[in-house]
Amino acid sequence: MDRSHKPLSKHPNAHTDEEILWIKNYIKRNPNISMIELYAKLKFDKGYKRHPCSLFRVLRKLGYFKDEVKKKKPYIPKPYNTPKNIGVKWQLDVKYVPKNVT
């Protein structure tokens, strides 16, 4: 029997459902709140004991801080100028080998 390898329970260090609910409620009530203000309110009001980086990671996972996708310029091939005469753009190296050595 090949079953899914996804764990059935959360990681012990993962944010709890209650903490995620706190974060969502604060953002719902204050949509323009900065991350530092949110972290301070969670820490002093709710007893949030996690690092600010983990809060940012959860906010990014929830979709509040999305990475901007930069649009790449498409490659446009340019015509290559092939010269007609040697010495214009080509380089020709000549090695002289005396006949008595061979």
PDB file of N, CA and C in Angstrom:
ATOM      1  N   MET A   1       0.840  -1.172   0.000  1.00  0.00           N
ATOM      2  CA  MET A   1       0.000   0.000   0.000  1.00  0.00           C
ATOM      3  C   MET A   1       0.890   1.242   0.000  1.00  0.00           C
ATOM      4  N   ASP A   2       0.805   2.031  -1.061  1.00  0.00           N
ATOM      5  CA  ASP A   2       1.575   3.262  -1.127  1.00  0.00           C
ATOM      6  C   ASP A   2       0.678   4.405  -0.703  1.00  0.00           C
ATOM      7  N   ARG A   3       0.978   4.985   0.450  1.00  0.00           N
ATOM      8  CA  ARG A   3       0.162   6.079   0.977  1.00  0.00           C
ATOM      9  C   ARG A   3       0.899   7.394   0.851  1.00  0.00           C
ATOM     10  N   SER A   4       0.200   8.460   1.131  1.00  0.00           N
ATOM     11  CA  SER A   4       0.802   9.776   1.105  1.00  0.00           C
ATOM     12  C   SER A   4       1.846   9.897   2.203  1.00  0.00           C
ATOM     13  N   HIS A   5       2.910  10.664   1.920  1.00  0.00           N
ATOM     14  CA  HIS A   5       3.968  10.858   2.897  1.00  0.00           C
ATOM     15  C   HIS A   5       3.784  12.153   3.683  1.00  0.00           C
ATOM     16  N   LYS A   6       2.650  12.811   3.491  1.00  0.00           N
ATOM     17  CA  LYS A   6       2.366  14.050   4.214  1.00  0.00           C
ATOM     18  C   LYS A   6       2.051  13.708   5.669  1.00  0.00           C
ATOM     19  N   PRO A   7       2.684  14.423   6.611  1.00  0.00           N
ATOM     20  CA  PRO A   7       2.396  14.107   8.015  1.00  0.00           C
ATOM     21  C   PRO A   7       0.964  14.451   8.397  1.00  0.00           C
ATOM     22  N   LEU A   8       0.423  13.694   9.328  1.00  0.00           N
ATOM     23  CA  LEU A   8      -0.956  13.901   9.751  1.00  0.00           C
ATOM     24  C   LEU A   8      -1.088  15.005  10.787  1.00  0.00           C
ATOM     25  N   SER A   9      -0.002  15.340  11.472  1.00  0.00           N
ATOM     26  CA  SER A   9      -0.051  16.388  12.478  1.00  0.00           C
ATOM     27  C   SER A   9       0.933  17.492  12.117  1.00  0.00           C
ATOM     28  N   LYS A  10       0.723  18.680  12.717  1.00  0.00           N
ATOM     29  CA  LYS A  10       1.617  19.808  12.468  1.00  0.00           C
ATOM     30  C   LYS A  10       2.950  19.599  13.171  1.00  0.00           C
ATOM     31  N   HIS A  11       3.951  20.314  12.700  1.00  0.00           N
ATOM     32  CA  HIS A  11       5.253  20.298  13.362  1.00  0.00           C
ATOM     33  C   HIS A  11       5.115  20.951  14.738  1.00  0.00           C
ATOM     34  N   PRO A  12       5.815  20.468  15.746  1.00  0.00           N
ATOM     35  CA  PRO A  12       5.653  21.044  17.091  1.00  0.00           C
ATOM     36  C   PRO A  12       6.029  22.519  17.171  1.00  0.00           C
ATOM     37  N   ASN A  13       6.952  22.997  16.318  1.00  0.00           N
ATOM     38  CA  ASN A  13       7.367  24.395  16.353  1.00  0.00           C
ATOM     39  C   ASN A  13       6.558  25.282  15.405  1.00  0.00           C
ATOM     40  N   ALA A  14       5.612  24.711  14.679  1.00  0.00           N
ATOM     41  CA  ALA A  14       4.818  25.492  13.732  1.00  0.00           C
ATOM     42  C   ALA A  14       3.857  26.414  14.479  1.00  0.00           C
ATOM     43  N   HIS A  15       3.421  27.471  13.792  1.00  0.00           N
ATOM     44  CA  HIS A  15       2.443  28.383  14.389  1.00  0.00           C
ATOM     45  C   HIS A  15       1.148  27.616  14.674  1.00  0.00           C
ATOM     46  N   THR A  16       0.580  27.882  15.813  1.00  0.00           N
ATOM     47  CA  THR A  16      -0.680  27.226  16.161  1.00  0.00           C
ATOM     48  C   THR A  16      -1.823  27.898  15.409  1.00  0.00           C
ATOM     49  N   ASP A  17      -2.963  27.225  15.376  1.00  0.00           N
ATOM     50  CA  ASP A  17      -4.136  27.799  14.712  1.00  0.00           C
ATOM     51  C   ASP A  17      -4.590  29.074  15.425  1.00  0.00           C
ATOM     52  N   GLU A  18      -4.406  29.112  16.726  1.00  0.00           N
ATOM     53  CA  GLU A  18      -4.791  30.294  17.497  1.00  0.00           C
ATOM     54  C   GLU A  18      -3.918  31.497  17.115  1.00  0.00           C
ATOM     55  N   GLU A  19      -2.619  31.278  16.964  1.00  0.00           N
ATOM     56  CA  GLU A  19      -1.714  32.368  16.583  1.00  0.00           C
ATOM     57  C   GLU A  19      -2.034  32.885  15.180  1.00  0.00           C
ATOM     58  N   ILE A  20      -2.328  31.991  14.280  1.00  0.00           N
ATOM     59  CA  ILE A  20      -2.688  32.402  12.913  1.00  0.00           C
ATOM     60  C   ILE A  20      -3.993  33.186  12.925  1.00  0.00           C
ATOM     61  N   LEU A  21      -4.929  32.785  13.785  1.00  0.00           N
ATOM     62  CA  LEU A  21      -6.189  33.517  13.925  1.00  0.00           C
ATOM     63  C   LEU A  21      -5.937  34.927  14.458  1.00  0.00           C
ATOM     64  N   TRP A  22      -5.032  35.083  15.440  1.00  0.00           N
ATOM     65  CA  TRP A  22      -4.675  36.404  15.954  1.00  0.00           C
ATOM     66  C   TRP A  22      -4.137  37.298  14.836  1.00  0.00           C
ATOM     67  N   ILE A  23      -3.233  36.727  14.040  1.00  0.00           N
ATOM     68  CA  ILE A  23      -2.605  37.492  12.949  1.00  0.00           C
ATOM     69  C   ILE A  23      -3.657  37.945  11.951  1.00  0.00           C
ATOM     70  N   LYS A  24      -4.534  37.025  11.551  1.00  0.00           N
ATOM     71  CA  LYS A  24      -5.571  37.366  10.569  1.00  0.00           C
ATOM     72  C   LYS A  24      -6.528  38.425  11.110  1.00  0.00           C
ATOM     73  N   ASN A  25      -6.892  38.329  12.385  1.00  0.00           N
ATOM     74  CA  ASN A  25      -7.814  39.302  12.980  1.00  0.00           C
ATOM     75  C   ASN A  25      -7.193  40.690  13.044  1.00  0.00           C
ATOM     76  N   TYR A  26      -5.918  40.778  13.451  1.00  0.00           N
ATOM     77  CA  TYR A  26      -5.253  42.080  13.508  1.00  0.00           C
ATOM     78  C   TYR A  26      -5.166  42.711  12.123  1.00  0.00           C
ATOM     79  N   ILE A  27      -4.866  41.900  11.121  1.00  0.00           N
ATOM     80  CA  ILE A  27      -4.751  42.450   9.756  1.00  0.00           C
ATOM     81  C   ILE A  27      -6.129  42.832   9.217  1.00  0.00           C
ATOM     82  N   LYS A  28      -7.155  42.073   9.588  1.00  0.00           N
ATOM     83  CA  LYS A  28      -8.508  42.398   9.132  1.00  0.00           C
ATOM     84  C   LYS A  28      -8.972  43.729   9.717  1.00  0.00           C
ATOM     85  N   ARG A  29      -8.648  43.965  11.009  1.00  0.00           N
ATOM     86  CA  ARG A  29      -9.050  45.216  11.651  1.00  0.00           C
ATOM     87  C   ARG A  29      -8.174  46.394  11.235  1.00  0.00           C
ATOM     88  N   ASN A  30      -6.894  46.140  10.970  1.00  0.00           N
ATOM     89  CA  ASN A  30      -5.955  47.195  10.571  1.00  0.00           C
ATOM     90  C   ASN A  30      -5.263  46.778   9.273  1.00  0.00           C
ATOM     91  N   PRO A  31      -5.880  47.021   8.117  1.00  0.00           N
ATOM     92  CA  PRO A  31      -5.292  46.527   6.871  1.00  0.00           C
ATOM     93  C   PRO A  31      -3.964  47.194   6.498  1.00  0.00           C
ATOM     94  N   ASN A  32      -3.707  48.412   7.002  1.00  0.00           N
ATOM     95  CA  ASN A  32      -2.472  49.121   6.649  1.00  0.00           C
ATOM     96  C   ASN A  32      -1.419  49.029   7.745  1.00  0.00           C
ATOM     97  N   ILE A  33      -1.531  48.077   8.651  1.00  0.00           N
ATOM     98  CA  ILE A  33      -0.586  47.940   9.752  1.00  0.00           C
ATOM     99  C   ILE A  33       0.751  47.424   9.210  1.00  0.00           C
ATOM    100  N   SER A  34       1.836  47.973   9.764  1.00  0.00           N
ATOM    101  CA  SER A  34       3.154  47.493   9.341  1.00  0.00           C
ATOM    102  C   SER A  34       3.479  46.207  10.095  1.00  0.00           C
ATOM    103  N   MET A  35       4.493  45.504   9.610  1.00  0.00           N
ATOM    104  CA  MET A  35       4.833  44.240  10.237  1.00  0.00           C
ATOM    105  C   MET A  35       5.385  44.449  11.651  1.00  0.00           C
ATOM    106  N   ILE A  36       6.125  45.536  11.864  1.00  0.00           N
ATOM    107  CA  ILE A  36       6.687  45.817  13.183  1.00  0.00           C
ATOM    108  C   ILE A  36       5.574  46.122  14.191  1.00  0.00           C
ATOM    109  N   GLU A  37       4.586  46.925  13.756  1.00  0.00           N
ATOM    110  CA  GLU A  37       3.447  47.223  14.641  1.00  0.00           C
ATOM    111  C   GLU A  37       2.677  45.952  14.972  1.00  0.00           C
ATOM    112  N   LEU A  38       2.465  45.122  13.959  1.00  0.00           N
ATOM    113  CA  LEU A  38       1.750  43.864  14.169  1.00  0.00           C
ATOM    114  C   LEU A  38       2.502  42.977  15.153  1.00  0.00           C
ATOM    115  N   TYR A  39       3.811  42.893  14.978  1.00  0.00           N
ATOM    116  CA  TYR A  39       4.621  42.065  15.877  1.00  0.00           C
ATOM    117  C   TYR A  39       4.551  42.599  17.308  1.00  0.00           C
ATOM    118  N   ALA A  40       4.631  43.931  17.470  1.00  0.00           N
ATOM    119  CA  ALA A  40       4.586  44.514  18.812  1.00  0.00           C
ATOM    120  C   ALA A  40       3.234  44.266  19.471  1.00  0.00           C
ATOM    121  N   LYS A  41       2.133  44.439  18.715  1.00  0.00           N
ATOM    122  CA  LYS A  41       0.799  44.201  19.289  1.00  0.00           C
ATOM    123  C   LYS A  41       0.625  42.744  19.688  1.00  0.00           C
ATOM    124  N   LEU A  42       1.094  41.838  18.830  1.00  0.00           N
ATOM    125  CA  LEU A  42       0.982  40.416  19.164  1.00  0.00           C
ATOM    126  C   LEU A  42       1.802  40.082  20.404  1.00  0.00           C
ATOM    127  N   LYS A  43       2.984  40.668  20.493  1.00  0.00           N
ATOM    128  CA  LYS A  43       3.871  40.357  21.611  1.00  0.00           C
ATOM    129  C   LYS A  43       3.338  40.885  22.938  1.00  0.00           C
ATOM    130  N   PHE A  44       2.874  42.150  22.954  1.00  0.00           N
ATOM    131  CA  PHE A  44       2.454  42.751  24.215  1.00  0.00           C
ATOM    132  C   PHE A  44       1.018  42.404  24.599  1.00  0.00           C
ATOM    133  N   ASP A  45       0.139  42.271  23.599  1.00  0.00           N
ATOM    134  CA  ASP A  45      -1.265  41.991  23.910  1.00  0.00           C
ATOM    135  C   ASP A  45      -1.557  40.496  24.068  1.00  0.00           C
ATOM    136  N   LYS A  46      -0.956  39.677  23.206  1.00  0.00           N
ATOM    137  CA  LYS A  46      -1.315  38.258  23.176  1.00  0.00           C
ATOM    138  C   LYS A  46      -0.235  37.337  23.730  1.00  0.00           C
ATOM    139  N   GLY A  47       0.960  37.859  24.015  1.00  0.00           N
ATOM    140  CA  GLY A  47       2.025  36.997  24.520  1.00  0.00           C
ATOM    141  C   GLY A  47       2.677  36.163  23.432  1.00  0.00           C
ATOM    142  N   TYR A  48       2.795  36.728  22.242  1.00  0.00           N
ATOM    143  CA  TYR A  48       3.415  36.052  21.093  1.00  0.00           C
ATOM    144  C   TYR A  48       4.907  35.935  21.352  1.00  0.00           C
ATOM    145  N   LYS A  49       5.466  34.719  21.304  1.00  0.00           N
ATOM    146  CA  LYS A  49       6.861  34.508  21.672  1.00  0.00           C
ATOM    147  C   LYS A  49       7.704  34.001  20.511  1.00  0.00           C
ATOM    148  N   ARG A  50       7.401  34.409  19.318  1.00  0.00           N
ATOM    149  CA  ARG A  50       8.175  33.939  18.170  1.00  0.00           C
ATOM    150  C   ARG A  50       9.041  35.062  17.609  1.00  0.00           C
ATOM    151  N   HIS A  51       9.960  34.704  16.739  1.00  0.00           N
ATOM    152  CA  HIS A  51      10.867  35.668  16.125  1.00  0.00           C
ATOM    153  C   HIS A  51      10.125  36.448  15.039  1.00  0.00           C
ATOM    154  N   PRO A  52      10.499  37.723  14.817  1.00  0.00           N
ATOM    155  CA  PRO A  52       9.832  38.503  13.756  1.00  0.00           C
ATOM    156  C   PRO A  52       9.962  37.875  12.363  1.00  0.00           C
ATOM    157  N   CYS A  53      11.072  37.158  12.122  1.00  0.00           N
ATOM    158  CA  CYS A  53      11.238  36.510  10.816  1.00  0.00           C
ATOM    159  C   CYS A  53      10.193  35.421  10.587  1.00  0.00           C
ATOM    160  N   SER A  54       9.842  34.714  11.653  1.00  0.00           N
ATOM    161  CA  SER A  54       8.826  33.664  11.491  1.00  0.00           C
ATOM    162  C   SER A  54       7.453  34.286  11.246  1.00  0.00           C
ATOM    163  N   LEU A  55       7.206  35.468  11.839  1.00  0.00           N
ATOM    164  CA  LEU A  55       5.951  36.172  11.551  1.00  0.00           C
ATOM    165  C   LEU A  55       5.902  36.580  10.084  1.00  0.00           C
ATOM    166  N   PHE A  56       7.018  37.106   9.570  1.00  0.00           N
ATOM    167  CA  PHE A  56       7.072  37.496   8.161  1.00  0.00           C
ATOM    168  C   PHE A  56       6.858  36.289   7.254  1.00  0.00           C
ATOM    169  N   ARG A  57       7.442  35.139   7.630  1.00  0.00           N
ATOM    170  CA  ARG A  57       7.285  33.931   6.828  1.00  0.00           C
ATOM    171  C   ARG A  57       5.821  33.495   6.777  1.00  0.00           C
ATOM    172  N   VAL A  58       5.119  33.590   7.924  1.00  0.00           N
ATOM    173  CA  VAL A  58       3.701  33.213   7.966  1.00  0.00           C
ATOM    174  C   VAL A  58       2.873  34.195   7.144  1.00  0.00           C
ATOM    175  N   LEU A  59       3.187  35.500   7.250  1.00  0.00           N
ATOM    176  CA  LEU A  59       2.449  36.496   6.470  1.00  0.00           C
ATOM    177  C   LEU A  59       2.632  36.266   4.975  1.00  0.00           C
ATOM    178  N   ARG A  60       3.843  35.900   4.573  1.00  0.00           N
ATOM    179  CA  ARG A  60       4.090  35.619   3.157  1.00  0.00           C
ATOM    180  C   ARG A  60       3.330  34.375   2.722  1.00  0.00           C
ATOM    181  N   LYS A  61       3.276  33.364   3.594  1.00  0.00           N
ATOM    182  CA  LYS A  61       2.559  32.132   3.275  1.00  0.00           C
ATOM    183  C   LYS A  61       1.055  32.371   3.188  1.00  0.00           C
ATOM    184  N   LEU A  62       0.548  33.290   4.030  1.00  0.00           N
ATOM    185  CA  LEU A  62      -0.880  33.614   3.996  1.00  0.00           C
ATOM    186  C   LEU A  62      -1.242  34.526   2.823  1.00  0.00           C
ATOM    187  N   GLY A  63      -0.248  35.123   2.179  1.00  0.00           N
ATOM    188  CA  GLY A  63      -0.502  35.925   0.980  1.00  0.00           C
ATOM    189  C   GLY A  63      -0.557  37.418   1.219  1.00  0.00           C
ATOM    190  N   TYR A  64      -0.103  37.894   2.387  1.00  0.00           N
ATOM    191  CA  TYR A  64      -0.145  39.330   2.653  1.00  0.00           C
ATOM    192  C   TYR A  64       1.067  40.057   2.081  1.00  0.00           C
ATOM    193  N   PHE A  65       2.208  39.405   2.024  1.00  0.00           N
ATOM    194  CA  PHE A  65       3.406  39.976   1.412  1.00  0.00           C
ATOM    195  C   PHE A  65       3.767  39.087   0.237  1.00  0.00           C
ATOM    196  N   LYS A  66       3.430  39.525  -0.955  1.00  0.00           N
ATOM    197  CA  LYS A  66       3.714  38.725  -2.139  1.00  0.00           C
ATOM    198  C   LYS A  66       4.965  39.265  -2.817  1.00  0.00           C
ATOM    199  N   ASP A  67       5.794  38.364  -3.316  1.00  0.00           N
ATOM    200  CA  ASP A  67       6.975  38.773  -4.060  1.00  0.00           C
ATOM    201  C   ASP A  67       6.542  39.290  -5.422  1.00  0.00           C
ATOM    202  N   GLU A  68       7.144  40.412  -5.819  1.00  0.00           N
ATOM    203  CA  GLU A  68       6.825  40.971  -7.128  1.00  0.00           C
ATOM    204  C   GLU A  68       7.516  40.143  -8.200  1.00  0.00           C
ATOM    205  N   VAL A  69       6.742  39.736  -9.189  1.00  0.00           N
ATOM    206  CA  VAL A  69       7.296  38.949 -10.277  1.00  0.00           C
ATOM    207  C   VAL A  69       7.825  39.919 -11.324  1.00  0.00           C
ATOM    208  N   LYS A  70       9.116  39.834 -11.587  1.00  0.00           N
ATOM    209  CA  LYS A  70       9.722  40.719 -12.572  1.00  0.00           C
ATOM    210  C   LYS A  70       9.589  40.093 -13.953  1.00  0.00           C
ATOM    211  N   LYS A  71       9.188  40.915 -14.916  1.00  0.00           N
ATOM    212  CA  LYS A  71       8.994  40.420 -16.265  1.00  0.00           C
ATOM    213  C   LYS A  71      10.324  40.457 -17.014  1.00  0.00           C
ATOM    214  N   LYS A  72      10.727  39.323 -17.566  1.00  0.00           N
ATOM    215  CA  LYS A  72      11.978  39.244 -18.304  1.00  0.00           C
ATOM    216  C   LYS A  72      11.772  39.721 -19.731  1.00  0.00           C
ATOM    217  N   LYS A  73      12.776  40.412 -20.248  1.00  0.00           N
ATOM    218  CA  LYS A  73      12.719  40.832 -21.642  1.00  0.00           C
ATOM    219  C   LYS A  73      12.925  39.610 -22.529  1.00  0.00           C
ATOM    220  N   PRO A  74      12.132  39.468 -23.567  1.00  0.00           N
ATOM    221  CA  PRO A  74      12.335  38.317 -24.454  1.00  0.00           C
ATOM    222  C   PRO A  74      13.622  38.487 -25.266  1.00  0.00           C
ATOM    223  N   TYR A  75      14.275  37.376 -25.542  1.00  0.00           N
ATOM    224  CA  TYR A  75      15.502  37.397 -26.333  1.00  0.00           C
ATOM    225  C   TYR A  75      15.156  37.647 -27.788  1.00  0.00           C
ATOM    226  N   ILE A  76      15.784  38.658 -28.358  1.00  0.00           N
ATOM    227  CA  ILE A  76      15.580  38.979 -29.774  1.00  0.00           C
ATOM    228  C   ILE A  76      16.902  38.738 -30.487  1.00  0.00           C
ATOM    229  N   PRO A  77      16.982  37.709 -31.334  1.00  0.00           N
ATOM    230  CA  PRO A  77      18.253  37.447 -32.014  1.00  0.00           C
ATOM    231  C   PRO A  77      18.572  38.558 -33.014  1.00  0.00           C
ATOM    232  N   LYS A  78      19.834  38.950 -33.033  1.00  0.00           N
ATOM    233  CA  LYS A  78      20.273  40.007 -33.934  1.00  0.00           C
ATOM    234  C   LYS A  78      21.088  39.388 -35.064  1.00  0.00           C
ATOM    235  N   PRO A  79      21.039  39.985 -36.254  1.00  0.00           N
ATOM    236  CA  PRO A  79      21.801  39.416 -37.368  1.00  0.00           C
ATOM    237  C   PRO A  79      23.307  39.558 -37.118  1.00  0.00           C
ATOM    238  N   TYR A  80      24.059  38.525 -37.504  1.00  0.00           N
ATOM    239  CA  TYR A  80      25.504  38.514 -37.306  1.00  0.00           C
ATOM    240  C   TYR A  80      26.169  39.005 -38.581  1.00  0.00           C
ATOM    241  N   ASN A  81      27.063  39.957 -38.426  1.00  0.00           N
ATOM    242  CA  ASN A  81      27.761  40.525 -39.574  1.00  0.00           C
ATOM    243  C   ASN A  81      28.985  39.673 -39.860  1.00  0.00           C
ATOM    244  N   THR A  82      28.939  38.852 -40.916  1.00  0.00           N
ATOM    245  CA  THR A  82      30.068  38.018 -41.301  1.00  0.00           C
ATOM    246  C   THR A  82      30.953  38.807 -42.258  1.00  0.00           C
ATOM    247  N   PRO A  83      32.217  39.053 -41.899  1.00  0.00           N
ATOM    248  CA  PRO A  83      33.085  39.837 -42.780  1.00  0.00           C
ATOM    249  C   PRO A  83      33.520  39.034 -44.006  1.00  0.00           C
ATOM    250  N   LYS A  84      33.801  39.741 -45.088  1.00  0.00           N
ATOM    251  CA  LYS A  84      34.222  39.094 -46.344  1.00  0.00           C
ATOM    252  C   LYS A  84      35.742  38.964 -46.412  1.00  0.00           C
ATOM    253  N   ASN A  85      36.484  39.893 -45.817  1.00  0.00           N
ATOM    254  CA  ASN A  85      37.940  39.876 -45.903  1.00  0.00           C
ATOM    255  C   ASN A  85      38.548  39.434 -44.574  1.00  0.00           C
ATOM    256  N   ILE A  86      39.707  38.716 -44.678  1.00  0.00           N
ATOM    257  CA  ILE A  86      40.427  38.323 -43.471  1.00  0.00           C
ATOM    258  C   ILE A  86      41.111  39.564 -42.899  1.00  0.00           C
ATOM    259  N   GLY A  87      41.060  39.725 -41.606  1.00  0.00           N
ATOM    260  CA  GLY A  87      41.680  40.863 -40.949  1.00  0.00           C
ATOM    261  C   GLY A  87      40.691  41.936 -40.563  1.00  0.00           C
ATOM    262  N   VAL A  88      39.484  41.899 -41.129  1.00  0.00           N
ATOM    263  CA  VAL A  88      38.485  42.893 -40.766  1.00  0.00           C
ATOM    264  C   VAL A  88      37.923  42.545 -39.395  1.00  0.00           C
ATOM    265  N   LYS A  89      37.440  41.315 -39.262  1.00  0.00           N
ATOM    266  CA  LYS A  89      36.895  40.878 -37.984  1.00  0.00           C
ATOM    267  C   LYS A  89      37.484  39.527 -37.574  1.00  0.00           C
ATOM    268  N   TRP A  90      38.025  38.804 -38.509  1.00  0.00           N
ATOM    269  CA  TRP A  90      38.606  37.505 -38.223  1.00  0.00           C
ATOM    270  C   TRP A  90      40.058  37.666 -37.815  1.00  0.00           C
ATOM    271  N   GLN A  91      40.540  36.689 -37.063  1.00  0.00           N
ATOM    272  CA  GLN A  91      41.958  36.660 -36.710  1.00  0.00           C
ATOM    273  C   GLN A  91      42.479  35.312 -37.134  1.00  0.00           C
ATOM    274  N   LEU A  92      43.600  35.324 -37.829  1.00  0.00           N
ATOM    275  CA  LEU A  92      44.172  34.090 -38.344  1.00  0.00           C
ATOM    276  C   LEU A  92      45.570  33.950 -37.761  1.00  0.00           C
ATOM    277  N   ASP A  93      45.792  32.918 -36.968  1.00  0.00           N
ATOM    278  CA  ASP A  93      47.113  32.646 -36.392  1.00  0.00           C
ATOM    279  C   ASP A  93      47.805  31.588 -37.243  1.00  0.00           C
ATOM    280  N   VAL A  94      49.075  31.853 -37.592  1.00  0.00           N
ATOM    281  CA  VAL A  94      49.841  30.921 -38.426  1.00  0.00           C
ATOM    282  C   VAL A  94      51.043  30.446 -37.619  1.00  0.00           C
ATOM    283  N   LYS A  95      51.232  29.155 -37.603  1.00  0.00           N
ATOM    284  CA  LYS A  95      52.369  28.609 -36.884  1.00  0.00           C
ATOM    285  C   LYS A  95      53.362  28.107 -37.925  1.00  0.00           C
ATOM    286  N   TYR A  96      54.592  28.554 -37.775  1.00  0.00           N
ATOM    287  CA  TYR A  96      55.628  28.138 -38.715  1.00  0.00           C
ATOM    288  C   TYR A  96      56.392  26.975 -38.138  1.00  0.00           C
ATOM    289  N   VAL A  97      56.439  25.858 -38.865  1.00  0.00           N
ATOM    290  CA  VAL A  97      57.190  24.669 -38.451  1.00  0.00           C
ATOM    291  C   VAL A  97      58.240  24.419 -39.517  1.00  0.00           C
ATOM    292  N   PRO A  98      59.538  24.463 -39.143  1.00  0.00           N
ATOM    293  CA  PRO A  98      60.572  24.205 -40.151  1.00  0.00           C
ATOM    294  C   PRO A  98      60.507  22.773 -40.668  1.00  0.00           C
ATOM    295  N   LYS A  99      60.927  22.539 -41.888  1.00  0.00           N
ATOM    296  CA  LYS A  99      60.832  21.200 -42.516  1.00  0.00           C
ATOM    297  C   LYS A  99      61.803  20.201 -41.900  1.00  0.00           C
ATOM    298  N   ASN A 100      62.950  20.683 -41.410  1.00  0.00           N
ATOM    299  CA  ASN A 100      63.946  19.721 -40.907  1.00  0.00           C
ATOM    300  C   ASN A 100      63.553  19.158 -39.533  1.00  0.00           C
ATOM    301  N   VAL A 101      62.595  19.752 -38.834  1.00  0.00           N
ATOM    302  CA  VAL A 101      62.156  19.237 -37.534  1.00  0.00           C
ATOM    303  C   VAL A 101      61.237  18.035 -37.723  1.00  0.00           C
ATOM    304  N   THR A 102      60.418  18.009 -38.735  1.00  0.00           N
ATOM    305  CA  THR A 102      59.456  16.926 -38.923  1.00  0.00           C
ATOM    306  C   THR A 102      60.028  15.697 -39.462  1.00  0.00           C
TER     307      THR A 102
END
